[in-house]
Amino acid sequence: MSSRLALAFVILLSSSIFAVHTVADSRDWSGFQQGSRIEVNQACSGPWFPATITKVEEDKNKGPKFKRYTVKTDDGHEWSFSAPNIVAPCVRAIGGSSKERAQLPAPALGVYNCNYRGQVVPVFDFGLIDASTYRDYDGNRGTYRFDSSAKEIVFLTGVRKGSRARQETAKTFQILNKDGSGTGNYCPINPSRNINGKRL
């Protein structure tokens, strides 16, 4: 490959990466106000959480162009930050995640290890053995079905009977409350774990 062609390839690749980054990484909060229903992504690279802006006020430490936002996610987590700011979380109008979720593939078989805000929660761990059989952390088995329209696993029998988990990304589920709201317990697939092991 000539140096000129290589340079063109690098420029094209850089432009593509920048374009993707711009779409996925929106830290512009100027179009949102107190009471707005939004989806927020704290790291701009992980799952999106439905939330409500509970307070918007001038950031007196930074001047009139800066606002201080207080956001409360549907699972009860609340935090405040200043925007515009390079470390502000990403934001988008409510509904974005449901549109993306509709395009997700069927869940991959394997072990899903759960955590709540970074703390492991083995009681929620599960493994998908095949298209209708699951196991829990201790090895107990049961049956499930995958609701492809809602993108949810419905546990039909076994120790998880009656509970549900919603697909958030191609490799992550969130355990749901009985009313369908998210619990904040996220379960990414863990390819390093053996689904036939004594413990997940």
N, C-alpha and C. Protein backbone atom coordinates (compact mmCIF):
# COMPACT_ATOMS: atom_id res chain seq x y z
N MET A 1 0.86 -1.20 0.00
CA MET A 1 0.00 0.00 0.00
C MET A 1 0.89 1.25 0.00
N SER A 2 0.63 2.21 -0.93
CA SER A 2 1.43 3.42 -1.00
C SER A 2 1.17 4.28 0.23
N SER A 3 2.11 5.20 0.52
CA SER A 3 1.96 6.08 1.69
C SER A 3 0.74 6.99 1.53
N ARG A 4 0.48 7.41 0.27
CA ARG A 4 -0.68 8.29 0.03
C ARG A 4 -1.98 7.54 0.28
N LEU A 5 -2.05 6.28 -0.18
CA LEU A 5 -3.25 5.47 0.01
C LEU A 5 -3.44 5.14 1.49
N ALA A 6 -2.33 4.87 2.18
CA ALA A 6 -2.40 4.57 3.61
C ALA A 6 -2.91 5.77 4.38
N LEU A 7 -2.44 6.97 4.01
CA LEU A 7 -2.89 8.19 4.68
C LEU A 7 -4.37 8.40 4.46
N ALA A 8 -4.84 8.16 3.24
CA ALA A 8 -6.27 8.32 2.94
C ALA A 8 -7.11 7.35 3.76
N PHE A 9 -6.61 6.14 3.91
CA PHE A 9 -7.33 5.13 4.69
C PHE A 9 -7.45 5.57 6.15
N VAL A 10 -6.34 6.11 6.71
CA VAL A 10 -6.34 6.57 8.10
C VAL A 10 -7.33 7.71 8.29
N ILE A 11 -7.36 8.64 7.33
CA ILE A 11 -8.29 9.76 7.41
C ILE A 11 -9.73 9.28 7.37
N LEU A 12 -10.02 8.34 6.45
CA LEU A 12 -11.36 7.80 6.33
C LEU A 12 -11.77 7.07 7.60
N LEU A 13 -10.85 6.27 8.15
CA LEU A 13 -11.14 5.53 9.37
C LEU A 13 -11.38 6.48 10.52
N SER A 14 -10.57 7.53 10.63
CA SER A 14 -10.73 8.50 11.70
C SER A 14 -12.05 9.22 11.60
N SER A 15 -12.47 9.56 10.37
CA SER A 15 -13.74 10.23 10.16
C SER A 15 -14.90 9.35 10.57
N SER A 16 -14.80 8.06 10.24
CA SER A 16 -15.87 7.13 10.61
C SER A 16 -15.98 6.99 12.11
N ILE A 17 -14.82 6.88 12.78
CA ILE A 17 -14.83 6.75 14.24
C ILE A 17 -15.42 7.99 14.87
N PHE A 18 -15.03 9.17 14.35
CA PHE A 18 -15.55 10.42 14.90
C PHE A 18 -17.04 10.53 14.71
N ALA A 19 -17.53 10.09 13.55
CA ALA A 19 -18.97 10.17 13.28
C ALA A 19 -19.74 9.31 14.25
N VAL A 20 -19.26 8.09 14.47
CA VAL A 20 -19.95 7.20 15.40
C VAL A 20 -19.94 7.78 16.80
N HIS A 21 -18.78 8.32 17.19
CA HIS A 21 -18.63 8.90 18.53
C HIS A 21 -19.60 10.05 18.72
N THR A 22 -19.75 10.89 17.67
CA THR A 22 -20.62 12.05 17.78
C THR A 22 -22.07 11.63 18.01
N VAL A 23 -22.52 10.59 17.32
CA VAL A 23 -23.91 10.15 17.45
C VAL A 23 -24.16 9.54 18.82
N ALA A 24 -23.22 8.69 19.27
CA ALA A 24 -23.45 7.94 20.49
C ALA A 24 -23.16 8.74 21.75
N ASP A 25 -22.36 9.81 21.62
CA ASP A 25 -21.84 10.52 22.77
C ASP A 25 -22.40 11.93 22.81
N SER A 26 -23.66 12.10 23.23
CA SER A 26 -24.30 13.41 23.24
C SER A 26 -24.36 13.96 24.65
N ARG A 27 -23.52 14.96 24.92
CA ARG A 27 -23.50 15.59 26.25
C ARG A 27 -24.19 16.95 26.22
N ASP A 28 -24.97 17.21 25.18
CA ASP A 28 -25.68 18.49 25.06
C ASP A 28 -26.99 18.42 25.83
N TRP A 29 -27.03 19.07 26.98
CA TRP A 29 -28.21 19.07 27.85
C TRP A 29 -29.08 20.31 27.65
N SER A 30 -28.70 21.18 26.73
CA SER A 30 -29.38 22.48 26.60
C SER A 30 -30.85 22.37 26.22
N GLY A 31 -31.23 21.27 25.56
CA GLY A 31 -32.62 21.14 25.13
C GLY A 31 -33.54 20.50 26.17
N PHE A 32 -33.02 20.24 27.37
CA PHE A 32 -33.80 19.57 28.40
C PHE A 32 -33.99 20.49 29.61
N GLN A 33 -35.10 20.32 30.29
CA GLN A 33 -35.42 21.17 31.43
C GLN A 33 -35.96 20.34 32.58
N GLN A 34 -36.21 20.99 33.70
CA GLN A 34 -36.75 20.30 34.87
C GLN A 34 -38.06 19.60 34.51
N GLY A 35 -38.17 18.32 34.88
CA GLY A 35 -39.36 17.55 34.57
C GLY A 35 -39.24 16.72 33.30
N SER A 36 -38.19 16.97 32.49
CA SER A 36 -38.03 16.23 31.25
C SER A 36 -37.75 14.75 31.53
N ARG A 37 -38.42 13.89 30.75
CA ARG A 37 -38.15 12.46 30.81
C ARG A 37 -37.05 12.16 29.79
N ILE A 38 -36.01 11.51 30.25
CA ILE A 38 -34.84 11.29 29.41
C ILE A 38 -34.31 9.88 29.60
N GLU A 39 -33.28 9.55 28.84
CA GLU A 39 -32.46 8.38 29.09
C GLU A 39 -31.04 8.88 29.25
N VAL A 40 -30.35 8.38 30.27
CA VAL A 40 -29.03 8.88 30.61
C VAL A 40 -28.02 7.73 30.63
N ASN A 41 -26.83 8.04 30.18
CA ASN A 41 -25.74 7.06 30.13
C ASN A 41 -24.54 7.69 30.81
N GLN A 42 -24.28 7.27 32.04
CA GLN A 42 -23.29 7.94 32.86
C GLN A 42 -21.89 7.89 32.26
N ALA A 43 -21.52 6.77 31.64
CA ALA A 43 -20.18 6.64 31.08
C ALA A 43 -20.16 6.87 29.57
N CYS A 44 -21.32 7.07 28.95
CA CYS A 44 -21.45 7.26 27.51
C CYS A 44 -20.99 6.03 26.72
N SER A 45 -20.88 4.90 27.37
CA SER A 45 -20.47 3.69 26.68
C SER A 45 -21.19 2.45 27.20
N GLY A 46 -21.96 2.61 28.26
CA GLY A 46 -22.67 1.48 28.86
C GLY A 46 -24.16 1.53 28.56
N PRO A 47 -24.98 0.93 29.42
CA PRO A 47 -26.43 0.91 29.19
C PRO A 47 -27.06 2.28 29.45
N TRP A 48 -28.22 2.49 28.84
CA TRP A 48 -28.99 3.72 29.03
C TRP A 48 -30.06 3.48 30.09
N PHE A 49 -30.24 4.46 30.98
CA PHE A 49 -31.20 4.35 32.07
C PHE A 49 -32.32 5.38 31.90
N PRO A 50 -33.58 4.97 31.96
CA PRO A 50 -34.66 5.96 31.94
C PRO A 50 -34.61 6.79 33.22
N ALA A 51 -34.85 8.08 33.09
CA ALA A 51 -34.69 8.98 34.23
C ALA A 51 -35.53 10.23 34.07
N THR A 52 -35.57 11.03 35.13
CA THR A 52 -36.28 12.32 35.13
C THR A 52 -35.34 13.39 35.64
N ILE A 53 -35.33 14.54 35.00
CA ILE A 53 -34.56 15.68 35.50
C ILE A 53 -35.39 16.34 36.60
N THR A 54 -34.89 16.31 37.82
CA THR A 54 -35.66 16.82 38.96
C THR A 54 -35.32 18.28 39.31
N LYS A 55 -34.18 18.75 38.83
CA LYS A 55 -33.81 20.13 39.15
C LYS A 55 -32.83 20.66 38.12
N VAL A 56 -33.02 21.93 37.72
CA VAL A 56 -32.08 22.62 36.84
C VAL A 56 -31.87 24.01 37.42
N GLU A 57 -30.61 24.37 37.68
CA GLU A 57 -30.33 25.69 38.23
C GLU A 57 -28.98 26.18 37.70
N GLU A 58 -28.77 27.47 37.80
CA GLU A 58 -27.51 28.04 37.35
C GLU A 58 -26.38 27.53 38.23
N ASP A 59 -25.27 27.17 37.58
CA ASP A 59 -24.09 26.76 38.32
C ASP A 59 -23.32 28.02 38.69
N LYS A 60 -23.50 28.47 39.91
CA LYS A 60 -22.94 29.75 40.35
C LYS A 60 -21.42 29.74 40.38
N ASN A 61 -20.84 28.55 40.42
CA ASN A 61 -19.38 28.45 40.45
C ASN A 61 -18.75 28.60 39.07
N LYS A 62 -19.58 28.46 38.01
CA LYS A 62 -19.03 28.48 36.66
C LYS A 62 -19.60 29.58 35.77
N GLY A 63 -20.68 30.20 36.18
CA GLY A 63 -21.23 31.29 35.40
C GLY A 63 -22.56 30.97 34.74
N PRO A 64 -23.19 31.97 34.12
CA PRO A 64 -24.55 31.82 33.57
C PRO A 64 -24.69 30.85 32.42
N LYS A 65 -23.61 30.54 31.72
CA LYS A 65 -23.70 29.60 30.60
C LYS A 65 -23.75 28.14 31.06
N PHE A 66 -23.52 27.92 32.34
CA PHE A 66 -23.47 26.56 32.86
C PHE A 66 -24.66 26.29 33.77
N LYS A 67 -25.25 25.13 33.62
CA LYS A 67 -26.38 24.71 34.44
C LYS A 67 -25.98 23.51 35.30
N ARG A 68 -26.61 23.42 36.46
CA ARG A 68 -26.40 22.26 37.30
C ARG A 68 -27.69 21.44 37.27
N TYR A 69 -27.55 20.20 36.82
CA TYR A 69 -28.69 19.30 36.65
C TYR A 69 -28.69 18.24 37.76
N THR A 70 -29.88 17.95 38.25
CA THR A 70 -30.07 16.82 39.16
C THR A 70 -30.97 15.83 38.46
N VAL A 71 -30.51 14.59 38.35
CA VAL A 71 -31.21 13.54 37.61
C VAL A 71 -31.51 12.38 38.54
N LYS A 72 -32.71 11.84 38.43
CA LYS A 72 -33.09 10.66 39.21
C LYS A 72 -33.53 9.56 38.25
N THR A 73 -32.81 8.44 38.26
CA THR A 73 -33.17 7.32 37.40
C THR A 73 -34.37 6.59 37.97
N ASP A 74 -35.02 5.80 37.13
CA ASP A 74 -36.24 5.10 37.56
C ASP A 74 -35.98 4.09 38.67
N ASP A 75 -34.73 3.65 38.83
CA ASP A 75 -34.42 2.71 39.91
C ASP A 75 -34.00 3.42 41.20
N GLY A 76 -34.12 4.77 41.22
CA GLY A 76 -33.91 5.52 42.45
C GLY A 76 -32.55 6.17 42.61
N HIS A 77 -31.63 5.92 41.70
CA HIS A 77 -30.30 6.52 41.80
C HIS A 77 -30.38 7.99 41.41
N GLU A 78 -29.76 8.86 42.19
CA GLU A 78 -29.82 10.30 41.94
C GLU A 78 -28.44 10.92 42.03
N TRP A 79 -28.13 11.81 41.12
CA TRP A 79 -26.86 12.53 41.21
C TRP A 79 -26.98 13.86 40.47
N SER A 80 -26.04 14.77 40.81
CA SER A 80 -26.02 16.11 40.22
C SER A 80 -24.69 16.34 39.51
N PHE A 81 -24.72 17.19 38.49
CA PHE A 81 -23.52 17.48 37.72
C PHE A 81 -23.74 18.79 36.97
N SER A 82 -22.65 19.32 36.43
CA SER A 82 -22.71 20.57 35.68
C SER A 82 -22.60 20.29 34.19
N ALA A 83 -23.31 21.06 33.38
CA ALA A 83 -23.23 20.93 31.93
C ALA A 83 -23.38 22.32 31.29
N PRO A 84 -22.71 22.62 30.17
CA PRO A 84 -21.87 21.69 29.40
C PRO A 84 -20.57 21.36 30.14
N ASN A 85 -20.15 20.12 29.98
CA ASN A 85 -18.97 19.63 30.68
C ASN A 85 -18.52 18.34 30.02
N ILE A 86 -17.24 18.20 29.80
CA ILE A 86 -16.73 17.01 29.11
C ILE A 86 -16.99 15.74 29.90
N VAL A 87 -17.19 15.85 31.22
CA VAL A 87 -17.44 14.66 32.03
C VAL A 87 -18.92 14.50 32.38
N ALA A 88 -19.78 15.33 31.81
CA ALA A 88 -21.22 15.17 32.03
C ALA A 88 -21.69 13.88 31.37
N PRO A 89 -22.72 13.23 31.92
CA PRO A 89 -23.22 12.01 31.29
C PRO A 89 -23.89 12.31 29.96
N CYS A 90 -24.02 11.28 29.14
CA CYS A 90 -24.72 11.43 27.87
C CYS A 90 -26.22 11.40 28.09
N VAL A 91 -26.95 12.07 27.23
CA VAL A 91 -28.40 12.18 27.38
C VAL A 91 -29.07 12.04 26.03
N ARG A 92 -30.30 11.53 26.03
CA ARG A 92 -31.13 11.50 24.83
C ARG A 92 -32.58 11.47 25.27
N ALA A 93 -33.48 11.81 24.35
CA ALA A 93 -34.90 11.79 24.66
C ALA A 93 -35.36 10.37 24.97
N ILE A 94 -36.34 10.25 25.83
CA ILE A 94 -36.86 8.94 26.22
C ILE A 94 -37.36 8.19 24.99
N GLY A 95 -37.13 6.90 24.96
CA GLY A 95 -37.60 6.08 23.85
C GLY A 95 -36.50 5.54 22.98
N GLY A 96 -35.30 6.12 23.09
CA GLY A 96 -34.20 5.66 22.26
C GLY A 96 -33.84 4.21 22.51
N SER A 97 -33.82 3.84 23.79
CA SER A 97 -33.42 2.47 24.11
C SER A 97 -34.42 1.44 23.61
N SER A 98 -35.70 1.78 23.65
CA SER A 98 -36.71 0.83 23.18
C SER A 98 -36.60 0.60 21.68
N LYS A 99 -36.24 1.63 20.92
CA LYS A 99 -36.06 1.49 19.48
C LYS A 99 -34.86 0.60 19.18
N GLU A 100 -33.77 0.83 19.93
CA GLU A 100 -32.58 0.01 19.72
C GLU A 100 -32.81 -1.42 20.17
N ARG A 101 -33.57 -1.56 21.28
CA ARG A 101 -33.83 -2.90 21.82
C ARG A 101 -34.60 -3.75 20.83
N ALA A 102 -35.49 -3.13 20.06
CA ALA A 102 -36.30 -3.87 19.10
C ALA A 102 -35.44 -4.54 18.03
N GLN A 103 -34.23 -4.06 17.82
CA GLN A 103 -33.35 -4.60 16.80
C GLN A 103 -32.35 -5.62 17.35
N LEU A 104 -32.43 -5.89 18.65
CA LEU A 104 -31.47 -6.81 19.25
C LEU A 104 -31.72 -8.25 18.80
N PRO A 105 -30.68 -9.05 18.69
CA PRO A 105 -30.83 -10.46 18.31
C PRO A 105 -31.32 -11.29 19.48
N ALA A 106 -31.64 -12.53 19.23
CA ALA A 106 -32.02 -13.45 20.31
C ALA A 106 -30.85 -13.55 21.28
N PRO A 107 -31.12 -13.74 22.56
CA PRO A 107 -30.03 -13.77 23.55
C PRO A 107 -29.06 -14.92 23.33
N ALA A 108 -27.80 -14.64 23.58
CA ALA A 108 -26.77 -15.67 23.46
C ALA A 108 -26.86 -16.65 24.62
N LEU A 109 -26.58 -17.90 24.35
CA LEU A 109 -26.54 -18.89 25.43
C LEU A 109 -25.27 -18.70 26.23
N GLY A 110 -25.34 -18.99 27.53
CA GLY A 110 -24.17 -18.83 28.38
C GLY A 110 -24.53 -18.30 29.74
N VAL A 111 -23.51 -17.91 30.50
CA VAL A 111 -23.67 -17.47 31.88
C VAL A 111 -23.79 -15.95 31.95
N TYR A 112 -24.78 -15.48 32.70
CA TYR A 112 -24.99 -14.06 32.92
C TYR A 112 -24.77 -13.77 34.40
N ASN A 113 -23.68 -13.07 34.70
CA ASN A 113 -23.35 -12.70 36.08
C ASN A 113 -23.86 -11.30 36.36
N CYS A 114 -24.60 -11.16 37.44
CA CYS A 114 -25.31 -9.90 37.72
C CYS A 114 -24.56 -9.02 38.72
N ASN A 115 -24.81 -7.71 38.61
CA ASN A 115 -24.24 -6.75 39.55
C ASN A 115 -25.21 -5.60 39.74
N TYR A 116 -25.11 -4.97 40.88
CA TYR A 116 -25.91 -3.78 41.18
C TYR A 116 -24.94 -2.64 41.45
N ARG A 117 -24.83 -1.71 40.48
CA ARG A 117 -23.91 -0.58 40.58
C ARG A 117 -22.49 -1.04 40.92
N GLY A 118 -22.08 -2.10 40.25
CA GLY A 118 -20.72 -2.58 40.39
C GLY A 118 -20.52 -3.64 41.47
N GLN A 119 -21.53 -3.86 42.31
CA GLN A 119 -21.43 -4.88 43.36
C GLN A 119 -22.05 -6.18 42.86
N VAL A 120 -21.29 -7.28 42.94
CA VAL A 120 -21.80 -8.55 42.42
C VAL A 120 -23.01 -9.01 43.23
N VAL A 121 -23.99 -9.58 42.53
CA VAL A 121 -25.22 -10.07 43.15
C VAL A 121 -25.49 -11.48 42.62
N PRO A 122 -24.79 -12.49 43.16
CA PRO A 122 -24.91 -13.85 42.62
C PRO A 122 -26.32 -14.42 42.68
N VAL A 123 -27.15 -13.92 43.58
CA VAL A 123 -28.50 -14.47 43.70
C VAL A 123 -29.30 -14.29 42.42
N PHE A 124 -28.92 -13.31 41.60
CA PHE A 124 -29.63 -13.07 40.34
C PHE A 124 -28.96 -13.75 39.14
N ASP A 125 -27.77 -14.32 39.33
CA ASP A 125 -27.07 -14.95 38.22
C ASP A 125 -27.92 -16.05 37.57
N PHE A 126 -27.80 -16.18 36.27
CA PHE A 126 -28.49 -17.26 35.57
C PHE A 126 -27.70 -17.67 34.35
N GLY A 127 -27.95 -18.87 33.88
CA GLY A 127 -27.31 -19.36 32.68
C GLY A 127 -28.34 -19.90 31.71
N LEU A 128 -28.24 -19.52 30.46
CA LEU A 128 -29.14 -20.02 29.43
C LEU A 128 -28.49 -21.24 28.78
N ILE A 129 -29.06 -22.41 29.06
CA ILE A 129 -28.49 -23.66 28.59
C ILE A 129 -28.88 -23.93 27.14
N ASP A 130 -30.14 -23.71 26.83
CA ASP A 130 -30.62 -23.81 25.45
C ASP A 130 -31.77 -22.83 25.30
N ALA A 131 -32.56 -22.98 24.26
CA ALA A 131 -33.60 -21.99 23.96
C ALA A 131 -34.78 -22.02 24.92
N SER A 132 -34.80 -22.97 25.86
CA SER A 132 -35.92 -23.03 26.79
C SER A 132 -35.53 -23.45 28.20
N THR A 133 -34.25 -23.74 28.44
CA THR A 133 -33.80 -24.21 29.75
C THR A 133 -32.76 -23.27 30.34
N TYR A 134 -32.94 -22.94 31.62
CA TYR A 134 -31.96 -22.10 32.31
C TYR A 134 -31.52 -22.78 33.61
N ARG A 135 -30.48 -22.28 34.21
CA ARG A 135 -30.05 -22.73 35.53
C ARG A 135 -29.72 -21.50 36.36
N ASP A 136 -29.80 -21.66 37.70
CA ASP A 136 -29.45 -20.55 38.55
C ASP A 136 -28.02 -20.72 39.07
N TYR A 137 -27.62 -19.84 39.96
CA TYR A 137 -26.25 -19.85 40.48
C TYR A 137 -25.87 -21.19 41.09
N ASP A 138 -26.83 -21.83 41.78
CA ASP A 138 -26.55 -23.08 42.49
C ASP A 138 -26.73 -24.33 41.63
N GLY A 139 -27.15 -24.18 40.38
CA GLY A 139 -27.30 -25.33 39.50
C GLY A 139 -28.72 -25.83 39.34
N ASN A 140 -29.68 -25.20 40.04
CA ASN A 140 -31.08 -25.60 39.88
C ASN A 140 -31.58 -25.19 38.50
N ARG A 141 -32.35 -26.09 37.87
CA ARG A 141 -32.82 -25.83 36.51
C ARG A 141 -34.30 -25.48 36.46
N GLY A 142 -34.66 -24.80 35.39
CA GLY A 142 -36.05 -24.46 35.15
C GLY A 142 -36.22 -24.12 33.68
N THR A 143 -37.42 -23.77 33.31
CA THR A 143 -37.69 -23.41 31.91
C THR A 143 -37.98 -21.92 31.78
N TYR A 144 -37.77 -21.41 30.59
CA TYR A 144 -38.03 -20.00 30.31
C TYR A 144 -38.48 -19.87 28.87
N ARG A 145 -39.02 -18.73 28.55
CA ARG A 145 -39.29 -18.38 27.16
C ARG A 145 -38.78 -16.97 26.92
N PHE A 146 -38.38 -16.71 25.70
CA PHE A 146 -37.92 -15.37 25.34
C PHE A 146 -39.00 -14.68 24.55
N ASP A 147 -39.53 -13.58 25.09
CA ASP A 147 -40.54 -12.78 24.41
C ASP A 147 -39.82 -11.85 23.44
N SER A 148 -39.83 -12.20 22.17
CA SER A 148 -39.05 -11.45 21.18
C SER A 148 -39.61 -10.04 20.93
N SER A 149 -40.88 -9.81 21.19
CA SER A 149 -41.44 -8.47 20.99
C SER A 149 -41.07 -7.54 22.13
N ALA A 150 -41.15 -8.04 23.36
CA ALA A 150 -40.78 -7.23 24.53
C ALA A 150 -39.30 -7.30 24.83
N LYS A 151 -38.59 -8.26 24.18
CA LYS A 151 -37.17 -8.49 24.45
C LYS A 151 -36.96 -8.83 25.93
N GLU A 152 -37.77 -9.75 26.42
CA GLU A 152 -37.69 -10.15 27.82
C GLU A 152 -37.64 -11.66 27.96
N ILE A 153 -36.86 -12.10 28.94
CA ILE A 153 -36.89 -13.49 29.37
C ILE A 153 -37.96 -13.62 30.44
N VAL A 154 -38.84 -14.59 30.28
CA VAL A 154 -39.87 -14.88 31.28
C VAL A 154 -39.53 -16.26 31.86
N PHE A 155 -39.22 -16.30 33.13
CA PHE A 155 -38.89 -17.56 33.78
C PHE A 155 -40.18 -18.28 34.16
N LEU A 156 -40.39 -19.46 33.60
CA LEU A 156 -41.67 -20.16 33.73
C LEU A 156 -41.72 -21.13 34.90
N THR A 157 -40.62 -21.84 35.14
CA THR A 157 -40.58 -22.81 36.23
C THR A 157 -39.24 -22.68 36.97
N GLY A 158 -39.10 -23.41 38.06
CA GLY A 158 -37.85 -23.37 38.82
C GLY A 158 -37.85 -22.25 39.84
N VAL A 159 -36.68 -22.01 40.45
CA VAL A 159 -36.58 -21.02 41.53
C VAL A 159 -36.85 -19.59 41.06
N ARG A 160 -36.69 -19.32 39.77
CA ARG A 160 -36.93 -17.97 39.24
C ARG A 160 -38.33 -17.80 38.68
N LYS A 161 -39.19 -18.76 38.89
CA LYS A 161 -40.54 -18.73 38.32
C LYS A 161 -41.24 -17.40 38.61
N GLY A 162 -41.79 -16.81 37.55
CA GLY A 162 -42.53 -15.57 37.68
C GLY A 162 -41.71 -14.31 37.51
N SER A 163 -40.39 -14.42 37.54
CA SER A 163 -39.55 -13.23 37.37
C SER A 163 -39.20 -13.03 35.90
N ARG A 164 -38.74 -11.83 35.59
CA ARG A 164 -38.41 -11.49 34.21
C ARG A 164 -37.10 -10.72 34.15
N ALA A 165 -36.47 -10.76 32.99
CA ALA A 165 -35.24 -10.00 32.75
C ALA A 165 -35.34 -9.41 31.35
N ARG A 166 -35.04 -8.11 31.25
CA ARG A 166 -35.16 -7.42 29.97
C ARG A 166 -33.80 -7.27 29.30
N GLN A 167 -33.77 -7.54 28.01
CA GLN A 167 -32.55 -7.41 27.23
C GLN A 167 -32.25 -5.93 26.99
N GLU A 168 -31.10 -5.47 27.47
CA GLU A 168 -30.72 -4.07 27.32
C GLU A 168 -29.73 -3.88 26.17
N THR A 169 -28.84 -4.85 26.00
CA THR A 169 -27.91 -4.85 24.86
C THR A 169 -27.85 -6.29 24.36
N ALA A 170 -27.07 -6.52 23.32
CA ALA A 170 -26.96 -7.87 22.78
C ALA A 170 -26.40 -8.85 23.80
N LYS A 171 -25.69 -8.33 24.82
CA LYS A 171 -25.02 -9.21 25.79
C LYS A 171 -25.36 -8.89 27.24
N THR A 172 -26.40 -8.10 27.48
CA THR A 172 -26.73 -7.69 28.84
C THR A 172 -28.24 -7.72 29.08
N PHE A 173 -28.63 -8.25 30.25
CA PHE A 173 -30.02 -8.21 30.69
C PHE A 173 -30.12 -7.40 31.98
N GLN A 174 -31.31 -6.88 32.24
CA GLN A 174 -31.61 -6.23 33.51
C GLN A 174 -32.77 -6.97 34.18
N ILE A 175 -32.60 -7.33 35.44
CA ILE A 175 -33.68 -7.96 36.20
C ILE A 175 -34.78 -6.94 36.44
N LEU A 176 -36.03 -7.35 36.26
CA LEU A 176 -37.17 -6.44 36.38
C LEU A 176 -37.94 -6.64 37.68
N ASN A 177 -38.57 -5.56 38.12
CA ASN A 177 -39.54 -5.66 39.21
C ASN A 177 -40.83 -6.25 38.68
N LYS A 178 -41.75 -6.58 39.57
CA LYS A 178 -43.02 -7.17 39.15
C LYS A 178 -43.83 -6.23 38.27
N ASP A 179 -43.65 -4.90 38.46
CA ASP A 179 -44.40 -3.95 37.65
C ASP A 179 -43.73 -3.65 36.31
N GLY A 180 -42.61 -4.33 36.03
CA GLY A 180 -41.93 -4.15 34.77
C GLY A 180 -40.83 -3.10 34.78
N SER A 181 -40.69 -2.38 35.87
CA SER A 181 -39.62 -1.38 35.97
C SER A 181 -38.29 -2.07 36.26
N GLY A 182 -37.20 -1.39 35.94
CA GLY A 182 -35.88 -1.97 36.15
C GLY A 182 -35.45 -1.94 37.59
N THR A 183 -34.75 -2.98 38.03
CA THR A 183 -34.26 -3.04 39.40
C THR A 183 -32.88 -2.41 39.54
N GLY A 184 -32.18 -2.21 38.41
CA GLY A 184 -30.81 -1.74 38.48
C GLY A 184 -29.80 -2.87 38.58
N ASN A 185 -30.29 -4.11 38.62
CA ASN A 185 -29.42 -5.28 38.60
C ASN A 185 -29.16 -5.67 37.16
N TYR A 186 -27.94 -5.42 36.68
CA TYR A 186 -27.57 -5.69 35.30
C TYR A 186 -26.74 -6.97 35.22
N CYS A 187 -27.02 -7.76 34.20
CA CYS A 187 -26.41 -9.08 34.06
C CYS A 187 -25.76 -9.24 32.69
N PRO A 188 -24.51 -8.87 32.54
CA PRO A 188 -23.81 -9.10 31.27
C PRO A 188 -23.36 -10.55 31.15
N ILE A 189 -23.29 -11.03 29.93
CA ILE A 189 -22.82 -12.40 29.71
C ILE A 189 -21.33 -12.48 30.07
N ASN A 190 -20.94 -13.59 30.65
CA ASN A 190 -19.56 -13.78 31.07
C ASN A 190 -19.01 -15.05 30.41
N PRO A 191 -18.35 -14.90 29.27
CA PRO A 191 -17.87 -16.07 28.51
C PRO A 191 -16.80 -16.88 29.24
N SER A 192 -16.23 -16.31 30.31
CA SER A 192 -15.19 -17.04 31.03
C SER A 192 -15.77 -18.05 32.03
N ARG A 193 -17.09 -17.99 32.26
CA ARG A 193 -17.71 -18.89 33.23
C ARG A 193 -18.28 -20.13 32.54
N ASN A 194 -18.17 -21.26 33.23
CA ASN A 194 -18.65 -22.54 32.70
C ASN A 194 -20.10 -22.76 33.13
N ILE A 195 -21.00 -22.87 32.17
CA ILE A 195 -22.40 -23.04 32.50
C ILE A 195 -22.67 -24.37 33.19
N ASN A 196 -21.75 -25.32 33.08
CA ASN A 196 -21.90 -26.61 33.73
C ASN A 196 -21.13 -26.70 35.06
N GLY A 197 -20.58 -25.56 35.49
CA GLY A 197 -19.85 -25.54 36.74
C GLY A 197 -20.76 -25.69 37.95
N LYS A 198 -20.17 -26.00 39.10
CA LYS A 198 -20.97 -26.18 40.31
C LYS A 198 -21.66 -24.86 40.68
N ARG A 199 -20.99 -23.74 40.49
CA ARG A 199 -21.55 -22.41 40.71
C ARG A 199 -21.32 -21.57 39.46
N LEU A 200 -22.25 -20.68 39.21
CA LEU A 200 -22.08 -19.80 38.06
C LEU A 200 -21.10 -18.66 38.39
